[in-house]
Amino acid sequence: MAQAIVSTLKGEPATLLEIDEDEFFEGTGGEEAVDVEVLYSSLNYKDGLALAGRPGVVREWPLVPGIDLVGRVSASRSPRLSAGDLVVLNGDGLGEFRHGGFATRARVRPDALLHLPEAISPWRAAAIGTAGFTAMLAVLALEDARVTPDDGEVLVTGAAGGVGSVAISLLAGRGYRVVASTGRAEEQGGYLEGLGATRVIDRASLGEPGRPLQSQAWAGAIDSVGGAALANILAQTLYGGTVVACGLAASADLPTTVMPFILRSVTLTGANSVEAPLTLRQRAWHDLATELDLEALDGMTTTLGLAETLDAAPRILAGQVRGRTVVDPNR
């Protein structure tokens, strides 16, 4: 038997249950399914939506939420993985249409399952989670677009959240001058500067729709907010700059025009943690293992058990959770 948080009915909050893992996971993971003893997961905004029974995340019921999973292989039908291997899995439909990490046991397909880098402990891998993985994908997108530290300041929105916090640390480590946008500038300023931000601005300055083209300010940006904020960022980006969209905390709408693209050659690209191919996942986790300030990660991370995770869902949806939250299903 296993302990698991389960979303049982559409539109209803998830509950903590005891499940028969063989029966519950029957048919899961395909012909090369891998059984995993879950050591840790993490709490993300999408998980908060799933736990609260909000629409847009869970697509099948019953389902174990949790878009991250770090654990030890207990049985493998895949030639690439063996019992005893430490593994990490982010996205790939976990907590949406495949059973996720909010359980003591899991059965997953091997396609996106990675061996955990030796430099990162299981707890720290969960602290990185989808948020840190997405942040790394966004930084790599700026790298691939050839945005360099010499080009100017890089803006990070949703800066005190999981993606934003890790993105600031990664960008600062690469030598970028990072500007952090947050809704609680006075409260969060010291925290964000501690991560490497050179200055902090109030998100209200980006919140209202502005002109299609505005004063140029950013060589690049990583945005997890969307809506009017993203439209304003595009309008403020330097000629040839790149903006990476990786969230829609405010809105999925984009009230902009083609003017930043055709008059300033601005590029808008995305970071998708769910469907990232294995080679990109390996590249991202390699760079996380070699670049991320793990002590800074420790300082922005708290740990909860399964029952506490249910209680934390309303707080993460209200924007009251700072940094990263590890979920220990065995606690």
C-alpha atoms as a PDB file:
ATOM      1  CA  MET A   1       0.000   0.000   0.000  1.00  0.00           C
ATOM      2  CA  ALA A   2       1.092   3.583  -0.642  1.00  0.00           C
ATOM      3  CA  GLN A   3       0.155   7.007   0.667  1.00  0.00           C
ATOM      4  CA  ALA A   4      -0.940   9.437  -2.034  1.00  0.00           C
ATOM      5  CA  ILE A   5      -2.751  12.674  -2.618  1.00  0.00           C
ATOM      6  CA  VAL A   6      -5.476  11.875  -5.148  1.00  0.00           C
ATOM      7  CA  SER A   7      -7.690  14.104  -7.240  1.00  0.00           C
ATOM      8  CA  THR A   8     -10.766  11.897  -7.338  1.00  0.00           C
ATOM      9  CA  LEU A   9     -13.457  14.000  -9.025  1.00  0.00           C
ATOM     10  CA  LYS A  10     -13.464  16.866 -11.505  1.00  0.00           C
ATOM     11  CA  GLY A  11     -13.850  20.199  -9.748  1.00  0.00           C
ATOM     12  CA  GLU A  12     -13.302  18.753  -6.269  1.00  0.00           C
ATOM     13  CA  PRO A  13     -10.261  19.347  -4.023  1.00  0.00           C
ATOM     14  CA  ALA A  14      -7.746  16.508  -3.810  1.00  0.00           C
ATOM     15  CA  THR A  15      -7.563  14.310  -0.701  1.00  0.00           C
ATOM     16  CA  LEU A  16      -4.946  12.197   1.074  1.00  0.00           C
ATOM     17  CA  LEU A  17      -5.634   8.482   0.619  1.00  0.00           C
ATOM     18  CA  GLU A  18      -4.063   5.063   1.029  1.00  0.00           C
ATOM     19  CA  ILE A  19      -3.941   3.237  -2.315  1.00  0.00           C
ATOM     20  CA  ASP A  20      -3.135  -0.243  -3.550  1.00  0.00           C
ATOM     21  CA  GLU A  21      -0.291   0.748  -5.857  1.00  0.00           C
ATOM     22  CA  ASP A  22      -0.448  -2.338  -8.106  1.00  0.00           C
ATOM     23  CA  GLU A  23      -4.158  -1.866  -8.704  1.00  0.00           C
ATOM     24  CA  PHE A  24      -4.047   1.934  -8.904  1.00  0.00           C
ATOM     25  CA  PHE A  25      -1.093   2.066 -11.316  1.00  0.00           C
ATOM     26  CA  GLU A  26      -2.175  -0.862 -13.496  1.00  0.00           C
ATOM     27  CA  GLY A  27      -1.576  -0.040 -17.156  1.00  0.00           C
ATOM     28  CA  THR A  28       0.517   3.014 -16.305  1.00  0.00           C
ATOM     29  CA  GLY A  29       3.868   3.764 -17.909  1.00  0.00           C
ATOM     30  CA  GLY A  30       3.667   1.593 -21.023  1.00  0.00           C
ATOM     31  CA  GLU A  31       5.675  -1.502 -21.897  1.00  0.00           C
ATOM     32  CA  GLU A  32       8.922  -0.091 -20.443  1.00  0.00           C
ATOM     33  CA  ALA A  33       7.327   1.279 -17.247  1.00  0.00           C
ATOM     34  CA  VAL A  34       9.626   2.150 -14.365  1.00  0.00           C
ATOM     35  CA  ASP A  35       8.580   1.740 -10.718  1.00  0.00           C
ATOM     36  CA  VAL A  36       9.971   4.415  -8.430  1.00  0.00           C
ATOM     37  CA  GLU A  37      10.186   4.840  -4.680  1.00  0.00           C
ATOM     38  CA  VAL A  38       9.387   8.540  -4.440  1.00  0.00           C
ATOM     39  CA  LEU A  39      11.819  10.398  -2.201  1.00  0.00           C
ATOM     40  CA  TYR A  40      10.640  13.941  -2.912  1.00  0.00           C
ATOM     41  CA  SER A  41       8.367  16.056  -5.093  1.00  0.00           C
ATOM     42  CA  SER A  42       7.728  19.799  -5.050  1.00  0.00           C
ATOM     43  CA  LEU A  43       4.830  22.227  -4.896  1.00  0.00           C
ATOM     44  CA  ASN A  44       4.301  24.449  -7.941  1.00  0.00           C
ATOM     45  CA  TYR A  45       1.547  26.826  -9.009  1.00  0.00           C
ATOM     46  CA  LYS A  46       0.078  24.175 -11.324  1.00  0.00           C
ATOM     47  CA  ASP A  47       0.018  21.758  -8.398  1.00  0.00           C
ATOM     48  CA  GLY A  48      -1.899  24.315  -6.356  1.00  0.00           C
ATOM     49  CA  LEU A  49      -4.542  24.488  -9.088  1.00  0.00           C
ATOM     50  CA  ALA A  50      -4.785  20.692  -9.191  1.00  0.00           C
ATOM     51  CA  LEU A  51      -5.018  20.337  -5.408  1.00  0.00           C
ATOM     52  CA  ALA A  52      -7.762  22.953  -5.240  1.00  0.00           C
ATOM     53  CA  GLY A  53      -9.793  21.268  -7.997  1.00  0.00           C
ATOM     54  CA  ARG A  54      -9.403  24.256 -10.305  1.00  0.00           C
ATOM     55  CA  PRO A  55      -9.808  23.661 -14.061  1.00  0.00           C
ATOM     56  CA  GLY A  56      -6.966  23.547 -16.560  1.00  0.00           C
ATOM     57  CA  VAL A  57      -4.463  21.098 -15.049  1.00  0.00           C
ATOM     58  CA  VAL A  58      -5.886  17.660 -14.201  1.00  0.00           C
ATOM     59  CA  ARG A  59      -7.405  15.997 -17.265  1.00  0.00           C
ATOM     60  CA  GLU A  60      -8.147  12.498 -15.983  1.00  0.00           C
ATOM     61  CA  TRP A  61      -9.625  11.179 -12.739  1.00  0.00           C
ATOM     62  CA  PRO A  62      -8.647   9.690 -10.381  1.00  0.00           C
ATOM     63  CA  LEU A  63      -5.120  11.089 -10.634  1.00  0.00           C
ATOM     64  CA  VAL A  64      -2.144  11.645  -8.342  1.00  0.00           C
ATOM     65  CA  PRO A  65      -1.046  15.304  -8.711  1.00  0.00           C
ATOM     66  CA  GLY A  66       2.546  16.479  -8.516  1.00  0.00           C
ATOM     67  CA  ILE A  67       4.384  17.614 -11.649  1.00  0.00           C
ATOM     68  CA  ASP A  68       7.801  16.708 -10.187  1.00  0.00           C
ATOM     69  CA  LEU A  69       9.263  13.428  -9.005  1.00  0.00           C
ATOM     70  CA  VAL A  70      12.639  12.511  -7.548  1.00  0.00           C
ATOM     71  CA  GLY A  71      13.229   8.960  -6.412  1.00  0.00           C
ATOM     72  CA  ARG A  72      14.976   5.613  -6.549  1.00  0.00           C
ATOM     73  CA  VAL A  73      14.100   3.002  -9.159  1.00  0.00           C
ATOM     74  CA  SER A  74      12.651  -0.114  -7.526  1.00  0.00           C
ATOM     75  CA  ALA A  75      11.903  -2.031 -10.741  1.00  0.00           C
ATOM     76  CA  SER A  76      12.526  -1.238 -14.403  1.00  0.00           C
ATOM     77  CA  ARG A  77      11.366  -2.634 -17.711  1.00  0.00           C
ATOM     78  CA  SER A  78      13.544  -0.107 -19.556  1.00  0.00           C
ATOM     79  CA  PRO A  79      17.067  -1.066 -20.660  1.00  0.00           C
ATOM     80  CA  ARG A  80      18.221   2.487 -19.907  1.00  0.00           C
ATOM     81  CA  LEU A  81      17.388   2.314 -16.179  1.00  0.00           C
ATOM     82  CA  SER A  82      18.093  -0.173 -13.405  1.00  0.00           C
ATOM     83  CA  ALA A  83      16.890  -0.833  -9.883  1.00  0.00           C
ATOM     84  CA  GLY A  84      18.703   1.442  -7.451  1.00  0.00           C
ATOM     85  CA  ASP A  85      19.182   4.323  -9.911  1.00  0.00           C
ATOM     86  CA  LEU A  86      18.414   7.792  -8.574  1.00  0.00           C
ATOM     87  CA  VAL A  87      16.172   9.577 -11.072  1.00  0.00           C
ATOM     88  CA  VAL A  88      14.415  12.882 -11.640  1.00  0.00           C
ATOM     89  CA  LEU A  89      11.352  13.643 -13.746  1.00  0.00           C
ATOM     90  CA  ASN A  90       9.764  17.033 -14.439  1.00  0.00           C
ATOM     91  CA  GLY A  91       6.620  17.667 -16.447  1.00  0.00           C
ATOM     92  CA  ASP A  92       5.972  15.018 -19.108  1.00  0.00           C
ATOM     93  CA  GLY A  93       2.273  15.087 -18.191  1.00  0.00           C
ATOM     94  CA  LEU A  94       2.814  14.238 -14.520  1.00  0.00           C
ATOM     95  CA  GLY A  95      -0.056  15.546 -12.428  1.00  0.00           C
ATOM     96  CA  GLU A  96      -2.046  16.327 -15.584  1.00  0.00           C
ATOM     97  CA  PHE A  97      -2.843  13.087 -17.413  1.00  0.00           C
ATOM     98  CA  ARG A  98      -0.175  10.846 -15.847  1.00  0.00           C
ATOM     99  CA  HIS A  99       0.125  10.018 -12.149  1.00  0.00           C
ATOM    100  CA  GLY A 100       2.549  12.408 -10.464  1.00  0.00           C
ATOM    101  CA  GLY A 101       4.854  12.709  -7.502  1.00  0.00           C
ATOM    102  CA  PHE A 102       2.530  13.321  -4.535  1.00  0.00           C
ATOM    103  CA  ALA A 103       2.768   9.696  -3.396  1.00  0.00           C
ATOM    104  CA  THR A 104       5.229   7.341  -1.749  1.00  0.00           C
ATOM    105  CA  ARG A 105       5.312   5.204  -4.917  1.00  0.00           C
ATOM    106  CA  ALA A 106       5.034   5.945  -8.629  1.00  0.00           C
ATOM    107  CA  ARG A 107       5.035   4.154 -11.965  1.00  0.00           C
ATOM    108  CA  VAL A 108       6.207   6.244 -14.922  1.00  0.00           C
ATOM    109  CA  ARG A 109       7.240   5.926 -18.526  1.00  0.00           C
ATOM    110  CA  PRO A 110      11.017   6.224 -19.092  1.00  0.00           C
ATOM    111  CA  ASP A 111      10.990   8.660 -22.021  1.00  0.00           C
ATOM    112  CA  ALA A 112      11.743  11.808 -19.986  1.00  0.00           C
ATOM    113  CA  LEU A 113      13.224  10.129 -16.905  1.00  0.00           C
ATOM    114  CA  LEU A 114      16.803  11.259 -16.199  1.00  0.00           C
ATOM    115  CA  HIS A 115      19.556   9.881 -14.034  1.00  0.00           C
ATOM    116  CA  LEU A 116      20.065  12.366 -11.221  1.00  0.00           C
ATOM    117  CA  PRO A 117      23.355  14.288 -11.614  1.00  0.00           C
ATOM    118  CA  GLU A 118      25.843  13.231  -8.928  1.00  0.00           C
ATOM    119  CA  ALA A 119      26.396  16.829  -7.838  1.00  0.00           C
ATOM    120  CA  ILE A 120      22.747  17.267  -6.816  1.00  0.00           C
ATOM    121  CA  SER A 121      21.112  15.473  -3.886  1.00  0.00           C
ATOM    122  CA  PRO A 122      17.544  14.154  -4.223  1.00  0.00           C
ATOM    123  CA  TRP A 123      16.230  16.866  -1.884  1.00  0.00           C
ATOM    124  CA  ARG A 124      17.938  19.608  -3.867  1.00  0.00           C
ATOM    125  CA  ALA A 125      16.704  18.115  -7.145  1.00  0.00           C
ATOM    126  CA  ALA A 126      13.156  18.428  -5.813  1.00  0.00           C
ATOM    127  CA  ALA A 127      13.879  21.973  -4.676  1.00  0.00           C
ATOM    128  CA  ILE A 128      14.932  22.756  -8.243  1.00  0.00           C
ATOM    129  CA  GLY A 129      11.879  20.941  -9.612  1.00  0.00           C
ATOM    130  CA  THR A 130       9.867  22.089 -12.591  1.00  0.00           C
ATOM    131  CA  ALA A 131      10.312  25.723 -11.548  1.00  0.00           C
ATOM    132  CA  GLY A 132      14.104  25.514 -11.619  1.00  0.00           C
ATOM    133  CA  PHE A 133      14.064  23.316 -14.714  1.00  0.00           C
ATOM    134  CA  THR A 134      11.840  25.862 -16.484  1.00  0.00           C
ATOM    135  CA  ALA A 135      14.104  28.696 -15.351  1.00  0.00           C
ATOM    136  CA  MET A 136      17.098  26.862 -16.838  1.00  0.00           C
ATOM    137  CA  LEU A 137      15.237  26.280 -20.103  1.00  0.00           C
ATOM    138  CA  ALA A 138      14.485  30.010 -20.235  1.00  0.00           C
ATOM    139  CA  VAL A 139      18.127  30.927 -19.592  1.00  0.00           C
ATOM    140  CA  LEU A 140      19.198  28.497 -22.308  1.00  0.00           C
ATOM    141  CA  ALA A 141      16.704  30.129 -24.673  1.00  0.00           C
ATOM    142  CA  LEU A 142      18.384  33.490 -24.049  1.00  0.00           C
ATOM    143  CA  GLU A 143      21.761  31.851 -24.610  1.00  0.00           C
ATOM    144  CA  ASP A 144      20.610  30.310 -27.879  1.00  0.00           C
ATOM    145  CA  ALA A 145      19.281  33.721 -28.940  1.00  0.00           C
ATOM    146  CA  ARG A 146      22.759  35.134 -28.251  1.00  0.00           C
ATOM    147  CA  VAL A 147      21.691  37.570 -25.562  1.00  0.00           C
ATOM    148  CA  THR A 148      24.912  38.285 -23.650  1.00  0.00           C
ATOM    149  CA  PRO A 149      25.652  40.133 -20.391  1.00  0.00           C
ATOM    150  CA  ASP A 150      27.203  42.942 -22.434  1.00  0.00           C
ATOM    151  CA  ASP A 151      23.908  43.612 -24.242  1.00  0.00           C
ATOM    152  CA  GLY A 152      22.171  45.225 -21.254  1.00  0.00           C
ATOM    153  CA  GLU A 153      19.827  44.443 -18.404  1.00  0.00           C
ATOM    154  CA  VAL A 154      17.649  41.328 -18.311  1.00  0.00           C
ATOM    155  CA  LEU A 155      14.242  41.534 -16.647  1.00  0.00           C
ATOM    156  CA  VAL A 156      12.711  38.709 -14.609  1.00  0.00           C
ATOM    157  CA  THR A 157       9.027  38.958 -13.669  1.00  0.00           C
ATOM    158  CA  GLY A 158       7.319  36.994 -10.921  1.00  0.00           C
ATOM    159  CA  ALA A 159      10.736  37.318  -9.360  1.00  0.00           C
ATOM    160  CA  ALA A 160       9.945  35.998  -5.873  1.00  0.00           C
ATOM    161  CA  GLY A 161       8.266  32.852  -7.203  1.00  0.00           C
ATOM    162  CA  GLY A 162       9.984  29.571  -7.931  1.00  0.00           C
ATOM    163  CA  VAL A 163      10.831  30.201 -11.593  1.00  0.00           C
ATOM    164  CA  GLY A 164      11.815  33.797 -10.968  1.00  0.00           C
ATOM    165  CA  SER A 165      13.999  33.054  -7.944  1.00  0.00           C
ATOM    166  CA  VAL A 166      16.025  30.373  -9.728  1.00  0.00           C
ATOM    167  CA  ALA A 167      16.233  32.415 -12.937  1.00  0.00           C
ATOM    168  CA  ILE A 168      17.726  35.363 -11.052  1.00  0.00           C
ATOM    169  CA  SER A 169      20.343  33.137  -9.431  1.00  0.00           C
ATOM    170  CA  LEU A 170      21.261  31.473 -12.740  1.00  0.00           C
ATOM    171  CA  LEU A 171      21.427  34.733 -14.708  1.00  0.00           C
ATOM    172  CA  ALA A 172      23.483  36.482 -12.027  1.00  0.00           C
ATOM    173  CA  GLY A 173      25.868  33.538 -11.996  1.00  0.00           C
ATOM    174  CA  ARG A 174      26.364  33.993 -15.739  1.00  0.00           C
ATOM    175  CA  GLY A 175      27.204  37.654 -15.261  1.00  0.00           C
ATOM    176  CA  TYR A 176      23.942  39.268 -16.346  1.00  0.00           C
ATOM    177  CA  ARG A 177      22.632  42.462 -14.747  1.00  0.00           C
ATOM    178  CA  VAL A 178      19.247  41.251 -13.545  1.00  0.00           C
ATOM    179  CA  VAL A 179      16.259  43.477 -12.804  1.00  0.00           C
ATOM    180  CA  ALA A 180      13.616  41.754 -10.663  1.00  0.00           C
ATOM    181  CA  SER A 181       9.922  42.644 -10.940  1.00  0.00           C
ATOM    182  CA  THR A 182       7.721  41.767  -7.965  1.00  0.00           C
ATOM    183  CA  GLY A 183       4.429  42.835  -6.429  1.00  0.00           C
ATOM    184  CA  ARG A 184       6.016  43.214  -2.999  1.00  0.00           C
ATOM    185  CA  ALA A 185       9.133  45.212  -3.806  1.00  0.00           C
ATOM    186  CA  GLU A 186       9.711  46.578  -0.285  1.00  0.00           C
ATOM    187  CA  GLU A 187       9.213  43.182   1.355  1.00  0.00           C
ATOM    188  CA  GLN A 188      11.099  41.121  -1.227  1.00  0.00           C
ATOM    189  CA  GLY A 189      13.907  43.499  -2.163  1.00  0.00           C
ATOM    190  CA  GLY A 190      16.512  42.089   0.200  1.00  0.00           C
ATOM    191  CA  TYR A 191      15.649  38.508  -0.746  1.00  0.00           C
ATOM    192  CA  LEU A 192      15.894  39.199  -4.495  1.00  0.00           C
ATOM    193  CA  GLU A 193      19.116  41.191  -4.213  1.00  0.00           C
ATOM    194  CA  GLY A 194      20.513  38.318  -2.189  1.00  0.00           C
ATOM    195  CA  LEU A 195      19.845  36.059  -5.172  1.00  0.00           C
ATOM    196  CA  GLY A 196      21.776  38.398  -7.449  1.00  0.00           C
ATOM    197  CA  ALA A 197      19.312  41.036  -8.690  1.00  0.00           C
ATOM    198  CA  THR A 198      21.007  44.393  -9.249  1.00  0.00           C
ATOM    199  CA  ARG A 199      17.756  46.258  -8.708  1.00  0.00           C
ATOM    200  CA  VAL A 200      14.086  45.594  -7.978  1.00  0.00           C
ATOM    201  CA  ILE A 201      11.043  47.250  -9.570  1.00  0.00           C
ATOM    202  CA  ASP A 202       7.369  47.144  -8.670  1.00  0.00           C
ATOM    203  CA  ARG A 203       5.298  44.982 -10.997  1.00  0.00           C
ATOM    204  CA  ALA A 204       2.672  47.738 -11.049  1.00  0.00           C
ATOM    205  CA  SER A 205       4.915  49.596 -13.496  1.00  0.00           C
ATOM    206  CA  LEU A 206       4.178  46.827 -16.022  1.00  0.00           C
ATOM    207  CA  GLY A 207       0.597  46.080 -15.076  1.00  0.00           C
ATOM    208  CA  GLU A 208      -1.396  48.517 -17.193  1.00  0.00           C
ATOM    209  CA  PRO A 209      -1.513  48.365 -21.012  1.00  0.00           C
ATOM    210  CA  GLY A 210       0.929  50.843 -22.530  1.00  0.00           C
ATOM    211  CA  ARG A 211       1.945  52.103 -25.945  1.00  0.00           C
ATOM    212  CA  PRO A 212       2.879  49.543 -28.631  1.00  0.00           C
ATOM    213  CA  LEU A 213       6.455  50.868 -28.554  1.00  0.00           C
ATOM    214  CA  GLN A 214       8.020  52.334 -25.403  1.00  0.00           C
ATOM    215  CA  SER A 215      11.465  53.440 -24.256  1.00  0.00           C
ATOM    216  CA  GLN A 216      13.930  50.605 -24.815  1.00  0.00           C
ATOM    217  CA  ALA A 217      15.145  49.041 -21.576  1.00  0.00           C
ATOM    218  CA  TRP A 218      15.723  45.273 -21.715  1.00  0.00           C
ATOM    219  CA  ALA A 219      18.204  43.196 -23.682  1.00  0.00           C
ATOM    220  CA  GLY A 220      16.149  40.173 -22.695  1.00  0.00           C
ATOM    221  CA  ALA A 221      13.482  39.045 -20.281  1.00  0.00           C
ATOM    222  CA  ILE A 222      12.053  35.943 -18.626  1.00  0.00           C
ATOM    223  CA  ASP A 223       8.347  36.383 -17.999  1.00  0.00           C
ATOM    224  CA  SER A 224       6.043  34.130 -15.978  1.00  0.00           C
ATOM    225  CA  VAL A 225       3.185  36.634 -15.737  1.00  0.00           C
ATOM    226  CA  GLY A 226       1.759  37.138 -19.233  1.00  0.00           C
ATOM    227  CA  GLY A 227      -1.010  39.592 -20.094  1.00  0.00           C
ATOM    228  CA  ALA A 228      -0.338  43.331 -20.051  1.00  0.00           C
ATOM    229  CA  ALA A 229       3.021  42.822 -18.341  1.00  0.00           C
ATOM    230  CA  LEU A 230       4.326  40.732 -21.235  1.00  0.00           C
ATOM    231  CA  ALA A 231       2.948  43.228 -23.768  1.00  0.00           C
ATOM    232  CA  ASN A 232       4.775  46.075 -22.001  1.00  0.00           C
ATOM    233  CA  ILE A 233       7.999  44.077 -21.798  1.00  0.00           C
ATOM    234  CA  LEU A 234       7.909  43.464 -25.546  1.00  0.00           C
ATOM    235  CA  ALA A 235       7.322  47.176 -26.113  1.00  0.00           C
ATOM    236  CA  GLN A 236      10.353  48.008 -23.918  1.00  0.00           C
ATOM    237  CA  THR A 237      12.807  45.434 -25.291  1.00  0.00           C
ATOM    238  CA  LEU A 238      15.919  46.644 -27.088  1.00  0.00           C
ATOM    239  CA  TYR A 239      16.354  46.171 -30.817  1.00  0.00           C
ATOM    240  CA  GLY A 240      17.174  42.510 -31.456  1.00  0.00           C
ATOM    241  CA  GLY A 241      16.345  41.456 -27.893  1.00  0.00           C
ATOM    242  CA  THR A 242      14.615  38.250 -26.831  1.00  0.00           C
ATOM    243  CA  VAL A 243      11.765  37.675 -24.390  1.00  0.00           C
ATOM    244  CA  VAL A 244      11.104  34.177 -23.033  1.00  0.00           C
ATOM    245  CA  ALA A 245       7.523  33.469 -21.935  1.00  0.00           C
ATOM    246  CA  CYS A 246       7.158  30.633 -19.443  1.00  0.00           C
ATOM    247  CA  GLY A 247       4.013  31.368 -17.445  1.00  0.00           C
ATOM    248  CA  LEU A 248       0.640  33.076 -17.331  1.00  0.00           C
ATOM    249  CA  ALA A 249       0.131  33.897 -13.657  1.00  0.00           C
ATOM    250  CA  ALA A 250      -1.767  37.076 -14.572  1.00  0.00           C
ATOM    251  CA  SER A 251      -3.308  36.197 -17.924  1.00  0.00           C
ATOM    252  CA  ALA A 252      -2.997  34.055 -21.037  1.00  0.00           C
ATOM    253  CA  ASP A 253      -3.946  37.065 -23.161  1.00  0.00           C
ATOM    254  CA  LEU A 254      -1.330  39.101 -25.012  1.00  0.00           C
ATOM    255  CA  PRO A 255      -2.680  42.593 -25.796  1.00  0.00           C
ATOM    256  CA  THR A 256       0.100  43.745 -28.099  1.00  0.00           C
ATOM    257  CA  THR A 257       0.786  44.594 -31.741  1.00  0.00           C
ATOM    258  CA  VAL A 258       3.310  43.415 -34.319  1.00  0.00           C
ATOM    259  CA  MET A 259       5.303  46.640 -33.916  1.00  0.00           C
ATOM    260  CA  PRO A 260       8.005  45.321 -31.513  1.00  0.00           C
ATOM    261  CA  PHE A 261       8.646  42.460 -33.908  1.00  0.00           C
ATOM    262  CA  ILE A 262       8.770  44.306 -37.228  1.00  0.00           C
ATOM    263  CA  LEU A 263      10.264  47.637 -36.059  1.00  0.00           C
ATOM    264  CA  ARG A 264      12.725  46.394 -33.402  1.00  0.00           C
ATOM    265  CA  SER A 265      13.284  42.761 -34.447  1.00  0.00           C
ATOM    266  CA  VAL A 266      12.257  41.577 -30.990  1.00  0.00           C
ATOM    267  CA  THR A 267      11.909  37.822 -30.575  1.00  0.00           C
ATOM    268  CA  LEU A 268       9.242  36.224 -28.383  1.00  0.00           C
ATOM    269  CA  THR A 269       9.956  32.583 -27.591  1.00  0.00           C
ATOM    270  CA  GLY A 270       8.779  30.087 -24.997  1.00  0.00           C
ATOM    271  CA  ALA A 271      10.075  27.581 -22.449  1.00  0.00           C
ATOM    272  CA  ASN A 272       8.035  24.368 -22.239  1.00  0.00           C
ATOM    273  CA  SER A 273       8.967  22.055 -19.367  1.00  0.00           C
ATOM    274  CA  VAL A 274       6.272  19.478 -20.142  1.00  0.00           C
ATOM    275  CA  GLU A 275       7.278  18.364 -23.633  1.00  0.00           C
ATOM    276  CA  ALA A 276      10.996  19.157 -23.619  1.00  0.00           C
ATOM    277  CA  PRO A 277      12.890  16.359 -25.421  1.00  0.00           C
ATOM    278  CA  LEU A 278      15.329  14.155 -23.543  1.00  0.00           C
ATOM    279  CA  THR A 279      18.423  15.825 -25.037  1.00  0.00           C
ATOM    280  CA  LEU A 280      17.277  19.276 -23.892  1.00  0.00           C
ATOM    281  CA  ARG A 281      16.425  17.906 -20.443  1.00  0.00           C
ATOM    282  CA  GLN A 282      19.920  16.451 -20.157  1.00  0.00           C
ATOM    283  CA  ARG A 283      21.483  19.749 -21.231  1.00  0.00           C
ATOM    284  CA  ALA A 284      19.402  21.717 -18.726  1.00  0.00           C
ATOM    285  CA  TRP A 285      20.134  19.415 -15.792  1.00  0.00           C
ATOM    286  CA  HIS A 286      23.844  19.363 -16.673  1.00  0.00           C
ATOM    287  CA  ASP A 287      23.942  23.154 -16.485  1.00  0.00           C
ATOM    288  CA  LEU A 288      21.869  23.210 -13.288  1.00  0.00           C
ATOM    289  CA  ALA A 289      24.354  20.816 -11.687  1.00  0.00           C
ATOM    290  CA  THR A 290      27.336  22.963 -12.688  1.00  0.00           C
ATOM    291  CA  GLU A 291      25.948  26.505 -12.365  1.00  0.00           C
ATOM    292  CA  LEU A 292      23.215  26.763  -9.756  1.00  0.00           C
ATOM    293  CA  ASP A 293      24.179  28.220  -6.377  1.00  0.00           C
ATOM    294  CA  LEU A 294      22.999  25.310  -4.235  1.00  0.00           C
ATOM    295  CA  GLU A 295      23.405  27.240  -0.971  1.00  0.00           C
ATOM    296  CA  ALA A 296      21.144  29.965  -2.353  1.00  0.00           C
ATOM    297  CA  LEU A 297      18.704  27.220  -3.345  1.00  0.00           C
ATOM    298  CA  ASP A 298      18.743  25.879   0.217  1.00  0.00           C
ATOM    299  CA  GLY A 299      17.971  29.334   1.550  1.00  0.00           C
ATOM    300  CA  MET A 300      14.866  29.738  -0.614  1.00  0.00           C
ATOM    301  CA  THR A 301      13.420  26.266   0.101  1.00  0.00           C
ATOM    302  CA  THR A 302      11.055  24.831   2.716  1.00  0.00           C
ATOM    303  CA  THR A 303       9.839  21.234   3.143  1.00  0.00           C
ATOM    304  CA  LEU A 304       6.289  19.934   3.704  1.00  0.00           C
ATOM    305  CA  GLY A 305       4.652  16.535   4.136  1.00  0.00           C
ATOM    306  CA  LEU A 306       1.685  15.394   2.052  1.00  0.00           C
ATOM    307  CA  ALA A 307      -0.965  16.651   4.480  1.00  0.00           C
ATOM    308  CA  GLU A 308       0.793  20.013   4.802  1.00  0.00           C
ATOM    309  CA  THR A 309       0.940  20.254   1.020  1.00  0.00           C
ATOM    310  CA  LEU A 310      -2.852  20.160   0.830  1.00  0.00           C
ATOM    311  CA  ASP A 311      -2.992  23.046   3.301  1.00  0.00           C
ATOM    312  CA  ALA A 312      -0.416  25.034   1.296  1.00  0.00           C
ATOM    313  CA  ALA A 313      -2.363  24.966  -1.980  1.00  0.00           C
ATOM    314  CA  PRO A 314      -4.454  28.102  -1.251  1.00  0.00           C
ATOM    315  CA  ARG A 315      -1.315  30.006  -0.255  1.00  0.00           C
ATOM    316  CA  ILE A 316       0.583  29.304  -3.463  1.00  0.00           C
ATOM    317  CA  LEU A 317      -2.476  30.302  -5.501  1.00  0.00           C
ATOM    318  CA  ALA A 318      -2.661  33.562  -3.547  1.00  0.00           C
ATOM    319  CA  GLY A 319       0.996  34.334  -4.260  1.00  0.00           C
ATOM    320  CA  GLN A 320       1.956  33.886  -0.614  1.00  0.00           C
ATOM    321  CA  VAL A 321       4.631  31.222  -1.154  1.00  0.00           C
ATOM    322  CA  ARG A 322       8.156  32.504  -1.748  1.00  0.00           C
ATOM    323  CA  GLY A 323      10.930  30.509  -3.399  1.00  0.00           C
ATOM    324  CA  ARG A 324      10.666  26.734  -3.547  1.00  0.00           C
ATOM    325  CA  THR A 325       8.711  24.119  -1.582  1.00  0.00           C
ATOM    326  CA  VAL A 326       9.851  20.497  -1.392  1.00  0.00           C
ATOM    327  CA  VAL A 327       7.242  17.804  -0.718  1.00  0.00           C
ATOM    328  CA  ASP A 328       8.422  14.807   1.317  1.00  0.00           C
ATOM    329  CA  PRO A 329       5.775  12.064   0.883  1.00  0.00           C
ATOM    330  CA  ASN A 330       7.369   9.960   3.609  1.00  0.00           C
ATOM    331  CA  ARG A 331       7.215  12.690   6.261  1.00  0.00           C
END
